[in-house]
Amino acid sequence: MTTYEETCYSTVKDAIESRHSIRKFSDSPIPQETLREILDLVRLSPSAWNLQPWQFHVVTDTDLKMRLQEAAYGQQQVTSAAAVIMVASDMENISANLMATVHPGLPPERKEEEVANLSGFFNNMSVEERGQWGLTQTNIALGFLLLAIQGAGFASVPMLGFDQEKVKEILGLPNHIRFAAMVPIGLAAAEGYPHHRFDLDKIATFH
């Protein structure tokens, strides 16, 4: 059986070129230490004002994965994967703790100024608007996560086909949480489809 050590990728280019969405995984578990190493890379993702609104709920428990599969309309990759990572955004928590996001190297008066400016900006938004803003930033971390998983020698598939309210109930999360994706992760048990992407000239314009 192929192990993740045999499929690790040494460069970002290799990880990008080799990554395919996988929907059938082997039953090999992933050590929690390895999952932590992956997420330790993902936490370095950039975000506007360094607000880092993302949270990662890592599910390895079999019963919980079965409940997530039900919330995902029975999609089999949820339970065949070794782990499922729910990529979430919690802007209400961030808005209540803005000082924690300000760089510690700034002088005290600059920190207070930053918090005041951010508070003014976000207090003029509704909970829904803040949630959507945070989701745009969390999608950056989702991209980092998919590459970090691939670079570590594992396969993944980002999913949006699930009932968000049911997942919140399963994981005991507040209503304002927004999900960027459900990401099953594990060792691939089947090849994904070859890339089918637009040519560069179709999507890039050089001015």
C-alpha atoms as a PDB file:
ATOM      1  CA  MET A   1       0.000   0.000   0.000  1.00  0.00           C
ATOM      2  CA  THR A   2       1.242   3.476  -0.832  1.00  0.00           C
ATOM      3  CA  THR A   3       2.137   5.577   2.200  1.00  0.00           C
ATOM      4  CA  TYR A   4       2.058   9.328   2.466  1.00  0.00           C
ATOM      5  CA  GLU A   5       5.857   9.435   2.791  1.00  0.00           C
ATOM      6  CA  GLU A   6       6.091   7.992  -0.731  1.00  0.00           C
ATOM      7  CA  THR A   7       3.796  10.620  -2.239  1.00  0.00           C
ATOM      8  CA  CYS A   8       5.009  13.827  -0.587  1.00  0.00           C
ATOM      9  CA  TYR A   9       5.761  16.712  -2.941  1.00  0.00           C
ATOM     10  CA  SER A  10       8.837  18.824  -2.454  1.00  0.00           C
ATOM     11  CA  THR A  11       7.690  21.980  -4.256  1.00  0.00           C
ATOM     12  CA  VAL A  12       4.524  24.037  -4.510  1.00  0.00           C
ATOM     13  CA  LYS A  13       4.640  23.595  -8.297  1.00  0.00           C
ATOM     14  CA  ASP A  14       4.638  19.804  -7.927  1.00  0.00           C
ATOM     15  CA  ALA A  15       1.741  19.913  -5.477  1.00  0.00           C
ATOM     16  CA  ILE A  16      -0.328  22.156  -7.758  1.00  0.00           C
ATOM     17  CA  GLU A  17       0.318  20.114 -10.880  1.00  0.00           C
ATOM     18  CA  SER A  18      -0.344  16.774  -9.194  1.00  0.00           C
ATOM     19  CA  ARG A  19      -3.469  17.681  -7.250  1.00  0.00           C
ATOM     20  CA  HIS A  20      -6.809  16.162  -8.317  1.00  0.00           C
ATOM     21  CA  SER A  21     -10.052  15.888  -6.399  1.00  0.00           C
ATOM     22  CA  ILE A  22     -10.400  12.351  -5.023  1.00  0.00           C
ATOM     23  CA  ARG A  23     -13.705  10.794  -3.980  1.00  0.00           C
ATOM     24  CA  LYS A  24     -12.547   7.347  -2.877  1.00  0.00           C
ATOM     25  CA  PHE A  25     -10.023   6.942  -0.089  1.00  0.00           C
ATOM     26  CA  SER A  26      -8.197   4.029   1.531  1.00  0.00           C
ATOM     27  CA  ASP A  27      -8.915   3.176   5.165  1.00  0.00           C
ATOM     28  CA  SER A  28      -5.445   4.236   6.333  1.00  0.00           C
ATOM     29  CA  PRO A  29      -5.655   6.627   9.300  1.00  0.00           C
ATOM     30  CA  ILE A  30      -3.795   9.921   9.455  1.00  0.00           C
ATOM     31  CA  PRO A  31      -1.825  10.597  12.666  1.00  0.00           C
ATOM     32  CA  GLN A  32      -3.083  13.644  14.532  1.00  0.00           C
ATOM     33  CA  GLU A  33       0.483  14.983  14.526  1.00  0.00           C
ATOM     34  CA  THR A  34       0.407  14.984  10.715  1.00  0.00           C
ATOM     35  CA  LEU A  35      -2.950  16.780  10.648  1.00  0.00           C
ATOM     36  CA  ARG A  36      -1.524  19.364  13.029  1.00  0.00           C
ATOM     37  CA  GLU A  37       1.526  19.842  10.785  1.00  0.00           C
ATOM     38  CA  ILE A  38      -0.739  20.462   7.791  1.00  0.00           C
ATOM     39  CA  LEU A  39      -2.865  22.993   9.656  1.00  0.00           C
ATOM     40  CA  ASP A  40       0.225  24.654  11.110  1.00  0.00           C
ATOM     41  CA  LEU A  41       1.145  25.569   7.536  1.00  0.00           C
ATOM     42  CA  VAL A  42      -2.384  26.675   6.681  1.00  0.00           C
ATOM     43  CA  ARG A  43      -2.529  29.096   9.608  1.00  0.00           C
ATOM     44  CA  LEU A  44       0.147  31.153   7.805  1.00  0.00           C
ATOM     45  CA  SER A  45      -2.382  32.067   5.091  1.00  0.00           C
ATOM     46  CA  PRO A  46      -2.714  35.820   4.444  1.00  0.00           C
ATOM     47  CA  SER A  47      -5.861  37.801   5.174  1.00  0.00           C
ATOM     48  CA  ALA A  48      -6.962  41.419   4.954  1.00  0.00           C
ATOM     49  CA  TRP A  49      -5.847  43.313   8.092  1.00  0.00           C
ATOM     50  CA  ASN A  50      -4.460  39.956   9.287  1.00  0.00           C
ATOM     51  CA  LEU A  51      -7.880  39.150  10.770  1.00  0.00           C
ATOM     52  CA  GLN A  52      -7.561  35.378  10.211  1.00  0.00           C
ATOM     53  CA  PRO A  53     -11.291  34.622  10.529  1.00  0.00           C
ATOM     54  CA  TRP A  54     -10.876  30.915   9.785  1.00  0.00           C
ATOM     55  CA  GLN A  55     -11.427  27.909  12.028  1.00  0.00           C
ATOM     56  CA  PHE A  56     -10.787  24.263  11.207  1.00  0.00           C
ATOM     57  CA  HIS A  57     -12.954  21.537  12.703  1.00  0.00           C
ATOM     58  CA  VAL A  58     -11.151  18.222  12.172  1.00  0.00           C
ATOM     59  CA  VAL A  59     -13.395  15.169  12.368  1.00  0.00           C
ATOM     60  CA  THR A  60     -11.900  11.667  12.612  1.00  0.00           C
ATOM     61  CA  ASP A  61     -14.541  10.015  14.784  1.00  0.00           C
ATOM     62  CA  THR A  62     -16.425   7.369  12.769  1.00  0.00           C
ATOM     63  CA  ASP A  63     -19.858   8.184  14.168  1.00  0.00           C
ATOM     64  CA  LEU A  64     -19.401  11.900  13.549  1.00  0.00           C
ATOM     65  CA  LYS A  65     -18.254  11.233   9.979  1.00  0.00           C
ATOM     66  CA  MET A  66     -21.398   9.167   9.411  1.00  0.00           C
ATOM     67  CA  ARG A  67     -23.525  12.082  10.595  1.00  0.00           C
ATOM     68  CA  LEU A  68     -21.595  14.454   8.345  1.00  0.00           C
ATOM     69  CA  GLN A  69     -22.164  12.074   5.437  1.00  0.00           C
ATOM     70  CA  GLU A  70     -25.892  12.271   6.073  1.00  0.00           C
ATOM     71  CA  ALA A  71     -25.658  16.084   6.108  1.00  0.00           C
ATOM     72  CA  ALA A  72     -23.757  15.825   2.807  1.00  0.00           C
ATOM     73  CA  TYR A  73     -26.645  13.969   1.150  1.00  0.00           C
ATOM     74  CA  GLY A  74     -24.982  10.563   1.461  1.00  0.00           C
ATOM     75  CA  GLN A  75     -21.760  11.321  -0.428  1.00  0.00           C
ATOM     76  CA  GLN A  76     -19.485   8.347   0.228  1.00  0.00           C
ATOM     77  CA  GLN A  77     -16.182  10.229   0.289  1.00  0.00           C
ATOM     78  CA  VAL A  78     -17.109  11.682   3.683  1.00  0.00           C
ATOM     79  CA  THR A  79     -16.908   8.333   5.475  1.00  0.00           C
ATOM     80  CA  SER A  80     -14.195   6.740   3.326  1.00  0.00           C
ATOM     81  CA  ALA A  81     -11.777   9.568   4.154  1.00  0.00           C
ATOM     82  CA  ALA A  82      -9.518   9.288   7.194  1.00  0.00           C
ATOM     83  CA  ALA A  83     -10.520  12.771   8.286  1.00  0.00           C
ATOM     84  CA  VAL A  84     -12.942  15.495   7.316  1.00  0.00           C
ATOM     85  CA  ILE A  85     -11.919  19.112   7.804  1.00  0.00           C
ATOM     86  CA  MET A  86     -14.707  21.664   8.034  1.00  0.00           C
ATOM     87  CA  VAL A  87     -13.273  25.012   6.951  1.00  0.00           C
ATOM     88  CA  ALA A  88     -15.305  27.649   8.766  1.00  0.00           C
ATOM     89  CA  SER A  89     -15.362  31.399   9.248  1.00  0.00           C
ATOM     90  CA  ASP A  90     -16.309  33.085  12.535  1.00  0.00           C
ATOM     91  CA  MET A  91     -16.327  36.845  12.078  1.00  0.00           C
ATOM     92  CA  GLU A  92     -18.342  37.479  15.232  1.00  0.00           C
ATOM     93  CA  ASN A  93     -15.541  36.010  17.334  1.00  0.00           C
ATOM     94  CA  ILE A  94     -12.963  38.046  15.418  1.00  0.00           C
ATOM     95  CA  SER A  95     -14.999  41.263  15.741  1.00  0.00           C
ATOM     96  CA  ALA A  96     -15.160  40.777  19.502  1.00  0.00           C
ATOM     97  CA  ASN A  97     -11.396  40.204  19.778  1.00  0.00           C
ATOM     98  CA  LEU A  98      -9.836  42.614  17.295  1.00  0.00           C
ATOM     99  CA  MET A  99      -6.865  43.457  19.507  1.00  0.00           C
ATOM    100  CA  ALA A 100      -5.638  39.863  19.201  1.00  0.00           C
ATOM    101  CA  THR A 101      -5.184  40.345  15.437  1.00  0.00           C
ATOM    102  CA  VAL A 102      -3.114  43.535  15.683  1.00  0.00           C
ATOM    103  CA  HIS A 103       0.631  43.045  15.291  1.00  0.00           C
ATOM    104  CA  PRO A 104       2.314  42.980  18.726  1.00  0.00           C
ATOM    105  CA  GLY A 105       5.215  45.073  17.424  1.00  0.00           C
ATOM    106  CA  LEU A 106       3.058  48.190  17.023  1.00  0.00           C
ATOM    107  CA  PRO A 107       3.173  50.879  19.716  1.00  0.00           C
ATOM    108  CA  PRO A 108       0.148  50.927  22.070  1.00  0.00           C
ATOM    109  CA  GLU A 109      -1.412  54.049  20.547  1.00  0.00           C
ATOM    110  CA  ARG A 110      -1.195  52.558  17.050  1.00  0.00           C
ATOM    111  CA  LYS A 111      -2.828  49.347  18.270  1.00  0.00           C
ATOM    112  CA  GLU A 112      -5.747  51.311  19.717  1.00  0.00           C
ATOM    113  CA  GLU A 113      -6.066  53.233  16.452  1.00  0.00           C
ATOM    114  CA  GLU A 114      -6.151  50.002  14.439  1.00  0.00           C
ATOM    115  CA  VAL A 115      -8.849  48.494  16.662  1.00  0.00           C
ATOM    116  CA  ALA A 116     -10.941  51.680  16.489  1.00  0.00           C
ATOM    117  CA  ASN A 117     -10.730  51.764  12.687  1.00  0.00           C
ATOM    118  CA  LEU A 118     -11.640  48.093  12.348  1.00  0.00           C
ATOM    119  CA  SER A 119     -14.480  48.393  14.857  1.00  0.00           C
ATOM    120  CA  GLY A 120     -15.920  51.305  12.921  1.00  0.00           C
ATOM    121  CA  PHE A 121     -15.720  49.352   9.677  1.00  0.00           C
ATOM    122  CA  PHE A 122     -17.320  46.135  10.914  1.00  0.00           C
ATOM    123  CA  ASN A 123     -19.889  47.715  13.239  1.00  0.00           C
ATOM    124  CA  ASN A 124     -21.526  49.247  10.170  1.00  0.00           C
ATOM    125  CA  MET A 125     -22.160  45.753   8.782  1.00  0.00           C
ATOM    126  CA  SER A 126     -24.880  43.274   9.610  1.00  0.00           C
ATOM    127  CA  VAL A 127     -23.984  39.824  10.961  1.00  0.00           C
ATOM    128  CA  GLU A 128     -24.686  38.442   7.490  1.00  0.00           C
ATOM    129  CA  GLU A 129     -22.420  41.006   5.820  1.00  0.00           C
ATOM    130  CA  ARG A 130     -19.601  40.350   8.282  1.00  0.00           C
ATOM    131  CA  GLY A 131     -20.028  36.636   7.717  1.00  0.00           C
ATOM    132  CA  GLN A 132     -19.748  37.043   3.956  1.00  0.00           C
ATOM    133  CA  TRP A 133     -16.680  39.275   4.310  1.00  0.00           C
ATOM    134  CA  GLY A 134     -14.992  36.691   6.526  1.00  0.00           C
ATOM    135  CA  LEU A 135     -15.843  33.945   4.061  1.00  0.00           C
ATOM    136  CA  THR A 136     -13.920  35.694   1.269  1.00  0.00           C
ATOM    137  CA  GLN A 137     -10.820  35.632   3.472  1.00  0.00           C
ATOM    138  CA  THR A 138     -11.378  32.057   4.635  1.00  0.00           C
ATOM    139  CA  ASN A 139     -11.436  30.916   1.007  1.00  0.00           C
ATOM    140  CA  ILE A 140      -7.778  31.965   0.824  1.00  0.00           C
ATOM    141  CA  ALA A 141      -7.004  29.551   3.661  1.00  0.00           C
ATOM    142  CA  LEU A 142      -9.019  26.859   1.882  1.00  0.00           C
ATOM    143  CA  GLY A 143      -6.669  27.114  -1.099  1.00  0.00           C
ATOM    144  CA  PHE A 144      -3.648  26.857   1.190  1.00  0.00           C
ATOM    145  CA  LEU A 145      -5.211  23.836   2.889  1.00  0.00           C
ATOM    146  CA  LEU A 146      -5.702  21.924  -0.369  1.00  0.00           C
ATOM    147  CA  LEU A 147      -2.071  22.486  -1.348  1.00  0.00           C
ATOM    148  CA  ALA A 148      -0.750  21.659   2.132  1.00  0.00           C
ATOM    149  CA  ILE A 149      -2.692  18.386   2.076  1.00  0.00           C
ATOM    150  CA  GLN A 150      -1.308  17.513  -1.350  1.00  0.00           C
ATOM    151  CA  GLY A 151       2.205  18.508  -0.370  1.00  0.00           C
ATOM    152  CA  ALA A 152       2.017  16.178   2.622  1.00  0.00           C
ATOM    153  CA  GLY A 153       1.205  13.263   0.339  1.00  0.00           C
ATOM    154  CA  PHE A 154      -2.539  13.033   0.885  1.00  0.00           C
ATOM    155  CA  ALA A 155      -5.541  13.558  -1.374  1.00  0.00           C
ATOM    156  CA  SER A 156      -8.602  15.746  -0.820  1.00  0.00           C
ATOM    157  CA  VAL A 157     -11.816  17.005  -2.339  1.00  0.00           C
ATOM    158  CA  PRO A 158     -13.407  20.383  -1.488  1.00  0.00           C
ATOM    159  CA  MET A 159     -17.177  20.054  -1.099  1.00  0.00           C
ATOM    160  CA  LEU A 160     -20.019  22.560  -0.912  1.00  0.00           C
ATOM    161  CA  GLY A 161     -22.790  19.992  -1.300  1.00  0.00           C
ATOM    162  CA  PHE A 162     -23.921  19.761   2.320  1.00  0.00           C
ATOM    163  CA  ASP A 163     -26.544  21.193   4.646  1.00  0.00           C
ATOM    164  CA  GLN A 164     -24.718  23.901   6.579  1.00  0.00           C
ATOM    165  CA  GLU A 165     -27.344  24.100   9.308  1.00  0.00           C
ATOM    166  CA  LYS A 166     -27.157  20.359   9.967  1.00  0.00           C
ATOM    167  CA  VAL A 167     -23.360  20.505  10.169  1.00  0.00           C
ATOM    168  CA  LYS A 168     -23.555  23.361  12.672  1.00  0.00           C
ATOM    169  CA  GLU A 169     -25.923  21.253  14.763  1.00  0.00           C
ATOM    170  CA  ILE A 170     -23.672  18.181  14.551  1.00  0.00           C
ATOM    171  CA  LEU A 171     -20.576  20.127  15.636  1.00  0.00           C
ATOM    172  CA  GLY A 172     -22.357  22.371  18.136  1.00  0.00           C
ATOM    173  CA  LEU A 173     -21.477  25.587  16.306  1.00  0.00           C
ATOM    174  CA  PRO A 174     -23.329  28.922  16.544  1.00  0.00           C
ATOM    175  CA  ASN A 175     -25.689  30.033  13.785  1.00  0.00           C
ATOM    176  CA  HIS A 176     -23.467  32.876  12.519  1.00  0.00           C
ATOM    177  CA  ILE A 177     -20.703  30.453  11.421  1.00  0.00           C
ATOM    178  CA  ARG A 178     -20.130  30.252   7.656  1.00  0.00           C
ATOM    179  CA  PHE A 179     -18.490  27.304   5.912  1.00  0.00           C
ATOM    180  CA  ALA A 180     -16.040  27.659   3.039  1.00  0.00           C
ATOM    181  CA  ALA A 181     -15.992  23.899   2.406  1.00  0.00           C
ATOM    182  CA  MET A 182     -16.137  20.387   3.753  1.00  0.00           C
ATOM    183  CA  VAL A 183     -12.791  18.722   2.907  1.00  0.00           C
ATOM    184  CA  PRO A 184     -12.415  14.938   3.155  1.00  0.00           C
ATOM    185  CA  ILE A 185      -8.727  13.984   3.327  1.00  0.00           C
ATOM    186  CA  GLY A 186      -6.862  10.688   3.125  1.00  0.00           C
ATOM    187  CA  LEU A 187      -4.791   8.411   0.927  1.00  0.00           C
ATOM    188  CA  ALA A 188      -6.329   8.034  -2.521  1.00  0.00           C
ATOM    189  CA  ALA A 189      -7.848   4.647  -3.337  1.00  0.00           C
ATOM    190  CA  ALA A 190      -8.644   5.630  -6.939  1.00  0.00           C
ATOM    191  CA  GLU A 191      -7.230   8.066  -9.477  1.00  0.00           C
ATOM    192  CA  GLY A 192      -8.990  11.364 -10.002  1.00  0.00           C
ATOM    193  CA  TYR A 193      -9.947  12.679 -13.408  1.00  0.00           C
ATOM    194  CA  PRO A 194      -7.187  14.416 -15.415  1.00  0.00           C
ATOM    195  CA  HIS A 195      -7.205  18.191 -15.191  1.00  0.00           C
ATOM    196  CA  HIS A 196      -9.751  19.930 -17.403  1.00  0.00           C
ATOM    197  CA  ARG A 197      -8.945  23.626 -17.112  1.00  0.00           C
ATOM    198  CA  PHE A 198      -9.297  26.663 -19.339  1.00  0.00           C
ATOM    199  CA  ASP A 199      -6.245  27.697 -21.348  1.00  0.00           C
ATOM    200  CA  LEU A 200      -4.301  30.585 -19.859  1.00  0.00           C
ATOM    201  CA  ASP A 201      -5.228  32.926 -22.719  1.00  0.00           C
ATOM    202  CA  LYS A 202      -8.895  32.472 -21.880  1.00  0.00           C
ATOM    203  CA  ILE A 203      -8.557  33.606 -18.280  1.00  0.00           C
ATOM    204  CA  ALA A 204      -5.574  36.007 -18.228  1.00  0.00           C
ATOM    205  CA  THR A 205      -5.269  39.435 -19.808  1.00  0.00           C
ATOM    206  CA  PHE A 206      -1.928  41.228 -19.733  1.00  0.00           C
ATOM    207  CA  HIS A 207      -2.216  45.020 -19.782  1.00  0.00           C
END
